[in-house]
PDB file of N, CA and C in Angstrom:
ATOM      1  N   MET A   1     146.132  59.270  78.805  1.00  0.00           N
ATOM      2  CA  MET A   1     147.265  60.036  79.291  1.00  0.00           C
ATOM      3  C   MET A   1     148.529  59.280  78.925  1.00  0.00           C
ATOM      4  N   ASN A   2     149.533  59.994  78.495  1.00  0.00           N
ATOM      5  CA  ASN A   2     150.768  59.382  78.044  1.00  0.00           C
ATOM      6  C   ASN A   2     151.924  60.116  78.695  1.00  0.00           C
ATOM      7  N   GLU A   3     152.742  59.418  79.464  1.00  0.00           N
ATOM      8  CA  GLU A   3     153.874  60.054  80.142  1.00  0.00           C
ATOM      9  C   GLU A   3     155.161  59.491  79.568  1.00  0.00           C
ATOM     10  N   ARG A   4     156.121  60.369  79.301  1.00  0.00           N
ATOM     11  CA  ARG A   4     157.384  59.926  78.749  1.00  0.00           C
ATOM     12  C   ARG A   4     158.509  60.371  79.668  1.00  0.00           C
ATOM     13  N   ASP A   5     159.587  59.596  79.672  1.00  0.00           N
ATOM     14  CA  ASP A   5     160.754  59.968  80.468  1.00  0.00           C
ATOM     15  C   ASP A   5     161.366  61.231  79.893  1.00  0.00           C
ATOM     16  N   GLN A   6     161.823  62.073  80.786  1.00  0.00           N
ATOM     17  CA  GLN A   6     162.539  63.251  80.336  1.00  0.00           C
ATOM     18  C   GLN A   6     163.984  62.860  80.099  1.00  0.00           C
ATOM     19  N   GLY A   7     164.551  63.343  79.067  1.00  0.00           N
ATOM     20  CA  GLY A   7     165.926  63.009  78.728  1.00  0.00           C
ATOM     21  C   GLY A   7     166.473  64.093  77.844  1.00  0.00           C
ATOM     22  N   GLU A   8     167.128  63.677  76.781  1.00  0.00           N
ATOM     23  CA  GLU A   8     167.653  64.662  75.853  1.00  0.00           C
ATOM     24  C   GLU A   8     166.500  65.419  75.207  1.00  0.00           C
ATOM     25  N   ARG A   9     166.792  66.644  74.839  1.00  0.00           N
ATOM     26  CA  ARG A   9     165.766  67.471  74.188  1.00  0.00           C
ATOM     27  C   ARG A   9     165.258  66.794  72.936  1.00  0.00           C
ATOM     28  N   PRO A  10     164.024  67.089  72.551  1.00  0.00           N
ATOM     29  CA  PRO A  10     163.512  66.559  71.285  1.00  0.00           C
ATOM     30  C   PRO A  10     164.444  66.941  70.141  1.00  0.00           C
ATOM     31  N   GLY A  11     164.656  66.022  69.209  1.00  0.00           N
ATOM     32  CA  GLY A  11     165.550  66.254  68.086  1.00  0.00           C
ATOM     33  C   GLY A  11     165.060  67.358  67.162  1.00  0.00           C
ATOM     34  N   ALA A  12     165.940  67.823  66.295  1.00  0.00           N
ATOM     35  CA  ALA A  12     165.642  68.939  65.397  1.00  0.00           C
ATOM     36  C   ALA A  12     164.449  68.635  64.487  1.00  0.00           C
ATOM     37  N   GLU A  13     164.358  67.412  63.981  1.00  0.00           N
ATOM     38  CA  GLU A  13     163.252  67.064  63.083  1.00  0.00           C
ATOM     39  C   GLU A  13     161.912  67.129  63.807  1.00  0.00           C
ATOM     40  N   LEU A  14     161.847  66.579  65.013  1.00  0.00           N
ATOM     41  CA  LEU A  14     160.596  66.639  65.772  1.00  0.00           C
ATOM     42  C   LEU A  14     160.252  68.083  66.117  1.00  0.00           C
ATOM     43  N   ARG A  15     161.235  68.885  66.508  1.00  0.00           N
ATOM     44  CA  ARG A  15     160.959  70.299  66.807  1.00  0.00           C
ATOM     45  C   ARG A  15     160.459  71.025  65.565  1.00  0.00           C
ATOM     46  N   ARG A  16     161.018  70.687  64.404  1.00  0.00           N
ATOM     47  CA  ARG A  16     160.614  71.357  63.155  1.00  0.00           C
ATOM     48  C   ARG A  16     159.195  70.988  62.752  1.00  0.00           C
ATOM     49  N   THR A  17     158.780  69.749  63.007  1.00  0.00           N
ATOM     50  CA  THR A  17     157.485  69.268  62.525  1.00  0.00           C
ATOM     51  C   THR A  17     156.423  69.185  63.625  1.00  0.00           C
ATOM     52  N   ALA A  18     156.747  69.590  64.835  1.00  0.00           N
ATOM     53  CA  ALA A  18     155.802  69.476  65.943  1.00  0.00           C
ATOM     54  C   ALA A  18     154.575  70.357  65.719  1.00  0.00           C
ATOM     55  N   ASP A  19     153.434  69.860  66.166  1.00  0.00           N
ATOM     56  CA  ASP A  19     152.217  70.670  66.152  1.00  0.00           C
ATOM     57  C   ASP A  19     152.235  71.676  67.305  1.00  0.00           C
ATOM     58  N   ILE A  20     152.846  71.275  68.412  1.00  0.00           N
ATOM     59  CA  ILE A  20     152.987  72.141  69.578  1.00  0.00           C
ATOM     60  C   ILE A  20     154.448  72.093  70.007  1.00  0.00           C
ATOM     61  N   LEU A  21     155.070  73.254  70.165  1.00  0.00           N
ATOM     62  CA  LEU A  21     156.470  73.318  70.575  1.00  0.00           C
ATOM     63  C   LEU A  21     156.624  74.407  71.627  1.00  0.00           C
ATOM     64  N   PHE A  22     157.214  74.040  72.743  1.00  0.00           N
ATOM     65  CA  PHE A  22     157.507  74.980  73.822  1.00  0.00           C
ATOM     66  C   PHE A  22     158.994  74.870  74.107  1.00  0.00           C
ATOM     67  N   THR A  23     159.696  75.994  74.099  1.00  0.00           N
ATOM     68  CA  THR A  23     161.120  75.996  74.446  1.00  0.00           C
ATOM     69  C   THR A  23     161.382  77.089  75.472  1.00  0.00           C
ATOM     70  N   ALA A  24     162.367  76.845  76.308  1.00  0.00           N
ATOM     71  CA  ALA A  24     162.751  77.833  77.319  1.00  0.00           C
ATOM     72  C   ALA A  24     164.238  77.705  77.602  1.00  0.00           C
ATOM     73  N   ARG A  25     164.848  78.819  77.966  1.00  0.00           N
ATOM     74  CA  ARG A  25     166.246  78.836  78.393  1.00  0.00           C
ATOM     75  C   ARG A  25     166.293  79.555  79.737  1.00  0.00           C
ATOM     76  N   VAL A  26     166.959  78.919  80.684  1.00  0.00           N
ATOM     77  CA  VAL A  26     167.128  79.496  82.014  1.00  0.00           C
ATOM     78  C   VAL A  26     168.619  79.591  82.292  1.00  0.00           C
ATOM     79  N   LYS A  27     169.044  80.746  82.765  1.00  0.00           N
ATOM     80  CA  LYS A  27     170.437  80.943  83.151  1.00  0.00           C
ATOM     81  C   LYS A  27     170.467  81.432  84.599  1.00  0.00           C
ATOM     82  N   ALA A  28     171.473  80.986  85.328  1.00  0.00           N
ATOM     83  CA  ALA A  28     171.624  81.434  86.710  1.00  0.00           C
ATOM     84  C   ALA A  28     173.099  81.490  87.067  1.00  0.00           C
ATOM     85  N   ASP A  29     173.476  82.529  87.788  1.00  0.00           N
ATOM     86  CA  ASP A  29     174.840  82.603  88.313  1.00  0.00           C
ATOM     87  C   ASP A  29     175.031  81.534  89.378  1.00  0.00           C
ATOM     88  N   GLU A  30     174.021  81.382  90.238  1.00  0.00           N
ATOM     89  CA  GLU A  30     174.037  80.356  91.281  1.00  0.00           C
ATOM     90  C   GLU A  30     172.647  79.773  91.441  1.00  0.00           C
ATOM     91  N   MET A  31     172.607  78.485  91.786  1.00  0.00           N
ATOM     92  CA  MET A  31     171.344  77.798  92.012  1.00  0.00           C
ATOM     93  C   MET A  31     171.549  76.764  93.108  1.00  0.00           C
ATOM     94  N   ARG A  32     170.602  76.713  94.051  1.00  0.00           N
ATOM     95  CA  ARG A  32     170.677  75.746  95.146  1.00  0.00           C
ATOM     96  C   ARG A  32     169.275  75.233  95.416  1.00  0.00           C
ATOM     97  N   PHE A  33     169.151  73.947  95.693  1.00  0.00           N
ATOM     98  CA  PHE A  33     167.858  73.328  95.965  1.00  0.00           C
ATOM     99  C   PHE A  33     167.778  72.949  97.438  1.00  0.00           C
ATOM    100  N   ASP A  34     166.763  73.476  98.133  1.00  0.00           N
ATOM    101  CA  ASP A  34     166.514  73.062  99.518  1.00  0.00           C
ATOM    102  C   ASP A  34     165.889  71.675  99.535  1.00  0.00           C
ATOM    103  N   VAL A  35     165.095  71.371  98.506  1.00  0.00           N
ATOM    104  CA  VAL A  35     164.441  70.074  98.350  1.00  0.00           C
ATOM    105  C   VAL A  35     164.635  69.650  96.901  1.00  0.00           C
ATOM    106  N   VAL A  36     165.007  68.407  96.692  1.00  0.00           N
ATOM    107  CA  VAL A  36     165.164  67.896  95.322  1.00  0.00           C
ATOM    108  C   VAL A  36     163.776  67.828  94.683  1.00  0.00           C
ATOM    109  N   PRO A  37     163.580  68.517  93.559  1.00  0.00           N
ATOM    110  CA  PRO A  37     162.248  68.535  92.941  1.00  0.00           C
ATOM    111  C   PRO A  37     161.950  67.249  92.175  1.00  0.00           C
ATOM    112  N   HIS A  38     160.676  66.933  92.088  1.00  0.00           N
ATOM    113  CA  HIS A  38     160.201  65.847  91.221  1.00  0.00           C
ATOM    114  C   HIS A  38     159.387  66.517  90.132  1.00  0.00           C
ATOM    115  N   ASN A  39     159.683  66.205  88.890  1.00  0.00           N
ATOM    116  CA  ASN A  39     158.920  66.811  87.805  1.00  0.00           C
ATOM    117  C   ASN A  39     158.638  65.780  86.734  1.00  0.00           C
ATOM    118  N   SER A  40     157.592  66.022  85.990  1.00  0.00           N
ATOM    119  CA  SER A  40     157.237  65.138  84.879  1.00  0.00           C
ATOM    120  C   SER A  40     156.376  65.919  83.891  1.00  0.00           C
ATOM    121  N   VAL A  41     156.315  65.411  82.688  1.00  0.00           N
ATOM    122  CA  VAL A  41     155.466  65.974  81.642  1.00  0.00           C
ATOM    123  C   VAL A  41     154.545  64.867  81.182  1.00  0.00           C
ATOM    124  N   GLU A  42     153.272  65.166  81.096  1.00  0.00           N
ATOM    125  CA  GLU A  42     152.291  64.190  80.628  1.00  0.00           C
ATOM    126  C   GLU A  42     151.650  64.709  79.352  1.00  0.00           C
ATOM    127  N   PHE A  43     151.529  63.838  78.389  1.00  0.00           N
ATOM    128  CA  PHE A  43     150.844  64.163  77.142  1.00  0.00           C
ATOM    129  C   PHE A  43     149.493  63.450  77.165  1.00  0.00           C
ATOM    130  N   SER A  44     148.442  64.193  76.969  1.00  0.00           N
ATOM    131  CA  SER A  44     147.107  63.589  76.982  1.00  0.00           C
ATOM    132  C   SER A  44     146.394  63.931  75.685  1.00  0.00           C
ATOM    133  N   GLY A  45     145.192  63.428  75.555  1.00  0.00           N
ATOM    134  CA  GLY A  45     144.420  63.746  74.358  1.00  0.00           C
ATOM    135  C   GLY A  45     144.977  63.045  73.141  1.00  0.00           C
ATOM    136  N   ASN A  46     145.226  63.810  72.104  1.00  0.00           N
ATOM    137  CA  ASN A  46     145.649  63.249  70.811  1.00  0.00           C
ATOM    138  C   ASN A  46     147.152  63.281  70.598  1.00  0.00           C
ATOM    139  N   ALA A  47     147.949  63.294  71.656  1.00  0.00           N
ATOM    140  CA  ALA A  47     149.401  63.349  71.489  1.00  0.00           C
ATOM    141  C   ALA A  47     149.915  62.058  70.864  1.00  0.00           C
ATOM    142  N   ASP A  48     150.735  62.200  69.836  1.00  0.00           N
ATOM    143  CA  ASP A  48     151.375  61.088  69.143  1.00  0.00           C
ATOM    144  C   ASP A  48     152.466  60.494  70.030  1.00  0.00           C
ATOM    145  N   ASP A  49     152.816  59.239  69.784  1.00  0.00           N
ATOM    146  CA  ASP A  49     153.838  58.563  70.580  1.00  0.00           C
ATOM    147  C   ASP A  49     155.222  59.192  70.445  1.00  0.00           C
ATOM    148  N   GLU A  50     155.463  59.987  69.410  1.00  0.00           N
ATOM    149  CA  GLU A  50     156.761  60.638  69.240  1.00  0.00           C
ATOM    150  C   GLU A  50     156.887  61.905  70.081  1.00  0.00           C
ATOM    151  N   SER A  51     155.819  62.357  70.713  1.00  0.00           N
ATOM    152  CA  SER A  51     155.869  63.550  71.547  1.00  0.00           C
ATOM    153  C   SER A  51     156.814  63.297  72.724  1.00  0.00           C
ATOM    154  N   THR A  52     157.627  64.298  73.047  1.00  0.00           N
ATOM    155  CA  THR A  52     158.617  64.113  74.100  1.00  0.00           C
ATOM    156  C   THR A  52     159.049  65.454  74.679  1.00  0.00           C
ATOM    157  N   SER A  53     159.791  65.385  75.770  1.00  0.00           N
ATOM    158  CA  SER A  53     160.363  66.589  76.366  1.00  0.00           C
ATOM    159  C   SER A  53     161.736  66.253  76.930  1.00  0.00           C
ATOM    160  N   GLY A  54     162.544  67.280  77.142  1.00  0.00           N
ATOM    161  CA  GLY A  54     163.853  67.050  77.733  1.00  0.00           C
ATOM    162  C   GLY A  54     164.671  68.318  77.764  1.00  0.00           C
ATOM    163  N   SER A  55     165.855  68.205  78.357  1.00  0.00           N
ATOM    164  CA  SER A  55     166.691  69.392  78.518  1.00  0.00           C
ATOM    165  C   SER A  55     168.150  69.081  78.226  1.00  0.00           C
ATOM    166  N   ASP A  56     168.853  70.130  77.847  1.00  0.00           N
ATOM    167  CA  ASP A  56     170.311  70.130  77.786  1.00  0.00           C
ATOM    168  C   ASP A  56     170.745  71.039  78.922  1.00  0.00           C
ATOM    169  N   ARG A  57     171.639  70.546  79.773  1.00  0.00           N
ATOM    170  CA  ARG A  57     172.049  71.298  80.955  1.00  0.00           C
ATOM    171  C   ARG A  57     173.545  71.568  80.932  1.00  0.00           C
ATOM    172  N   THR A  58     173.901  72.743  81.397  1.00  0.00           N
ATOM    173  CA  THR A  58     175.297  73.111  81.582  1.00  0.00           C
ATOM    174  C   THR A  58     175.514  73.376  83.065  1.00  0.00           C
ATOM    175  N   ASN A  59     176.469  72.679  83.658  1.00  0.00           N
ATOM    176  CA  ASN A  59     176.823  72.821  85.076  1.00  0.00           C
ATOM    177  C   ASN A  59     175.690  72.478  86.033  1.00  0.00           C
ATOM    178  N   LEU A  60     174.778  71.629  85.590  1.00  0.00           N
ATOM    179  CA  LEU A  60     173.696  71.154  86.444  1.00  0.00           C
ATOM    180  C   LEU A  60     173.423  69.696  86.083  1.00  0.00           C
ATOM    181  N   PRO A  61     173.615  68.775  87.031  1.00  0.00           N
ATOM    182  CA  PRO A  61     173.404  67.358  86.719  1.00  0.00           C
ATOM    183  C   PRO A  61     171.920  67.034  86.571  1.00  0.00           C
ATOM    184  N   ASP A  62     171.612  65.911  85.939  1.00  0.00           N
ATOM    185  CA  ASP A  62     170.222  65.473  85.805  1.00  0.00           C
ATOM    186  C   ASP A  62     169.583  65.247  87.166  1.00  0.00           C
ATOM    187  N   GLU A  63     170.366  64.735  88.103  1.00  0.00           N
ATOM    188  CA  GLU A  63     169.865  64.513  89.459  1.00  0.00           C
ATOM    189  C   GLU A  63     170.606  65.459  90.399  1.00  0.00           C
ATOM    190  N   VAL A  64     169.920  66.529  90.794  1.00  0.00           N
ATOM    191  CA  VAL A  64     170.538  67.510  91.690  1.00  0.00           C
ATOM    192  C   VAL A  64     170.502  67.006  93.127  1.00  0.00           C
ATOM    193  N   ARG A  65     171.331  67.613  93.967  1.00  0.00           N
ATOM    194  CA  ARG A  65     171.381  67.237  95.385  1.00  0.00           C
ATOM    195  C   ARG A  65     170.981  68.431  96.247  1.00  0.00           C
ATOM    196  N   GLU A  66     170.340  68.131  97.350  1.00  0.00           N
ATOM    197  CA  GLU A  66     169.934  69.175  98.287  1.00  0.00           C
ATOM    198  C   GLU A  66     171.153  69.889  98.841  1.00  0.00           C
ATOM    199  N   GLY A  67     171.059  71.226  98.937  1.00  0.00           N
ATOM    200  CA  GLY A  67     172.089  72.021  99.583  1.00  0.00           C
ATOM    201  C   GLY A  67     173.332  72.304  98.767  1.00  0.00           C
ATOM    202  N   VAL A  68     173.480  71.691  97.609  1.00  0.00           N
ATOM    203  CA  VAL A  68     174.661  71.928  96.770  1.00  0.00           C
ATOM    204  C   VAL A  68     174.434  73.202  95.954  1.00  0.00           C
ATOM    205  N   VAL A  69     175.451  74.054  95.892  1.00  0.00           N
ATOM    206  CA  VAL A  69     175.372  75.269  95.091  1.00  0.00           C
ATOM    207  C   VAL A  69     175.956  74.962  93.711  1.00  0.00           C
ATOM    208  N   TYR A  70     175.161  75.159  92.683  1.00  0.00           N
ATOM    209  CA  TYR A  70     175.597  74.979  91.297  1.00  0.00           C
ATOM    210  C   TYR A  70     175.812  76.370  90.717  1.00  0.00           C
ATOM    211  N   ARG A  71     176.924  76.538  90.004  1.00  0.00           N
ATOM    212  CA  ARG A  71     177.281  77.862  89.478  1.00  0.00           C
ATOM    213  C   ARG A  71     177.316  77.873  87.954  1.00  0.00           C
ATOM    214  N   ASP A  72     177.035  79.057  87.410  1.00  0.00           N
ATOM    215  CA  ASP A  72     177.050  79.273  85.950  1.00  0.00           C
ATOM    216  C   ASP A  72     176.183  78.226  85.248  1.00  0.00           C
ATOM    217  N   VAL A  73     174.940  78.159  85.641  1.00  0.00           N
ATOM    218  CA  VAL A  73     173.989  77.155  85.155  1.00  0.00           C
ATOM    219  C   VAL A  73     173.244  77.668  83.931  1.00  0.00           C
ATOM    220  N   GLN A  74     173.030  76.762  82.985  1.00  0.00           N
ATOM    221  CA  GLN A  74     172.140  77.042  81.860  1.00  0.00           C
ATOM    222  C   GLN A  74     171.342  75.783  81.567  1.00  0.00           C
ATOM    223  N   ILE A  75     170.042  75.967  81.380  1.00  0.00           N
ATOM    224  CA  ILE A  75     169.153  74.860  81.032  1.00  0.00           C
ATOM    225  C   ILE A  75     168.390  75.259  79.787  1.00  0.00           C
ATOM    226  N   ASP A  76     168.488  74.452  78.736  1.00  0.00           N
ATOM    227  CA  ASP A  76     167.690  74.621  77.519  1.00  0.00           C
ATOM    228  C   ASP A  76     166.677  73.491  77.515  1.00  0.00           C
ATOM    229  N   TYR A  77     165.394  73.836  77.583  1.00  0.00           N
ATOM    230  CA  TYR A  77     164.325  72.862  77.754  1.00  0.00           C
ATOM    231  C   TYR A  77     163.366  72.938  76.574  1.00  0.00           C
ATOM    232  N   ALA A  78     162.857  71.789  76.167  1.00  0.00           N
ATOM    233  CA  ALA A  78     161.894  71.764  75.065  1.00  0.00           C
ATOM    234  C   ALA A  78     160.840  70.692  75.299  1.00  0.00           C
ATOM    235  N   ILE A  79     159.625  71.024  74.929  1.00  0.00           N
ATOM    236  CA  ILE A  79     158.513  70.073  74.862  1.00  0.00           C
ATOM    237  C   ILE A  79     158.021  70.133  73.425  1.00  0.00           C
ATOM    238  N   ALA A  80     157.978  68.985  72.750  1.00  0.00           N
ATOM    239  CA  ALA A  80     157.506  68.926  71.367  1.00  0.00           C
ATOM    240  C   ALA A  80     156.435  67.854  71.262  1.00  0.00           C
ATOM    241  N   ALA A  81     155.294  68.229  70.716  1.00  0.00           N
ATOM    242  CA  ALA A  81     154.190  67.280  70.593  1.00  0.00           C
ATOM    243  C   ALA A  81     153.658  67.267  69.171  1.00  0.00           C
ATOM    244  N   ARG A  82     153.440  66.078  68.691  1.00  0.00           N
ATOM    245  CA  ARG A  82     152.709  65.881  67.437  1.00  0.00           C
ATOM    246  C   ARG A  82     151.340  65.359  67.818  1.00  0.00           C
ATOM    247  N   LEU A  83     150.335  65.781  67.079  1.00  0.00           N
ATOM    248  CA  LEU A  83     148.984  65.302  67.329  1.00  0.00           C
ATOM    249  C   LEU A  83     148.668  64.178  66.378  1.00  0.00           C
ATOM    250  N   ARG A  84     147.971  63.158  66.891  1.00  0.00           N
ATOM    251  CA  ARG A  84     147.561  62.029  66.046  1.00  0.00           C
ATOM    252  C   ARG A  84     146.561  62.525  65.021  1.00  0.00           C
ATOM    253  N   ARG A  85     146.740  62.069  63.817  1.00  0.00           N
ATOM    254  CA  ARG A  85     145.808  62.395  62.738  1.00  0.00           C
ATOM    255  C   ARG A  85     144.739  61.314  62.691  1.00  0.00           C
ATOM    256  N   GLU A  86     143.514  61.738  62.693  1.00  0.00           N
ATOM    257  CA  GLU A  86     142.417  60.768  62.619  1.00  0.00           C
ATOM    258  C   GLU A  86     142.178  60.410  61.159  1.00  0.00           C
ATOM    259  N   ALA A  87     141.829  59.147  60.935  1.00  0.00           N
ATOM    260  CA  ALA A  87     141.554  58.689  59.568  1.00  0.00           C
ATOM    261  C   ALA A  87     140.361  59.448  59.027  1.00  0.00           C
ATOM    262  N   GLU A  88     140.493  59.866  57.783  1.00  0.00           N
ATOM    263  CA  GLU A  88     139.415  60.645  57.157  1.00  0.00           C
ATOM    264  C   GLU A  88     138.461  59.747  56.430  1.00  0.00           C
TER     265      GLU A  88
END
């Protein structure tokens, strides 16, 4: 199992060459958290060390606070994984 810190989205080259790529965009007029969430992405199996995930956020900090209303939010999220190639 391989866990990586979430940070900036995977770069364009990794997204272009990834064996597995998941992207999502979320928009909200308003967003509020009753409880600060904990999240993580784990890569298991044959995931290469370059596999990563992350988001670009608009009007939403990396560390949200309970009870704060965030407005005009957009989150662009990506998970990009390369699979290790086994020697032939």
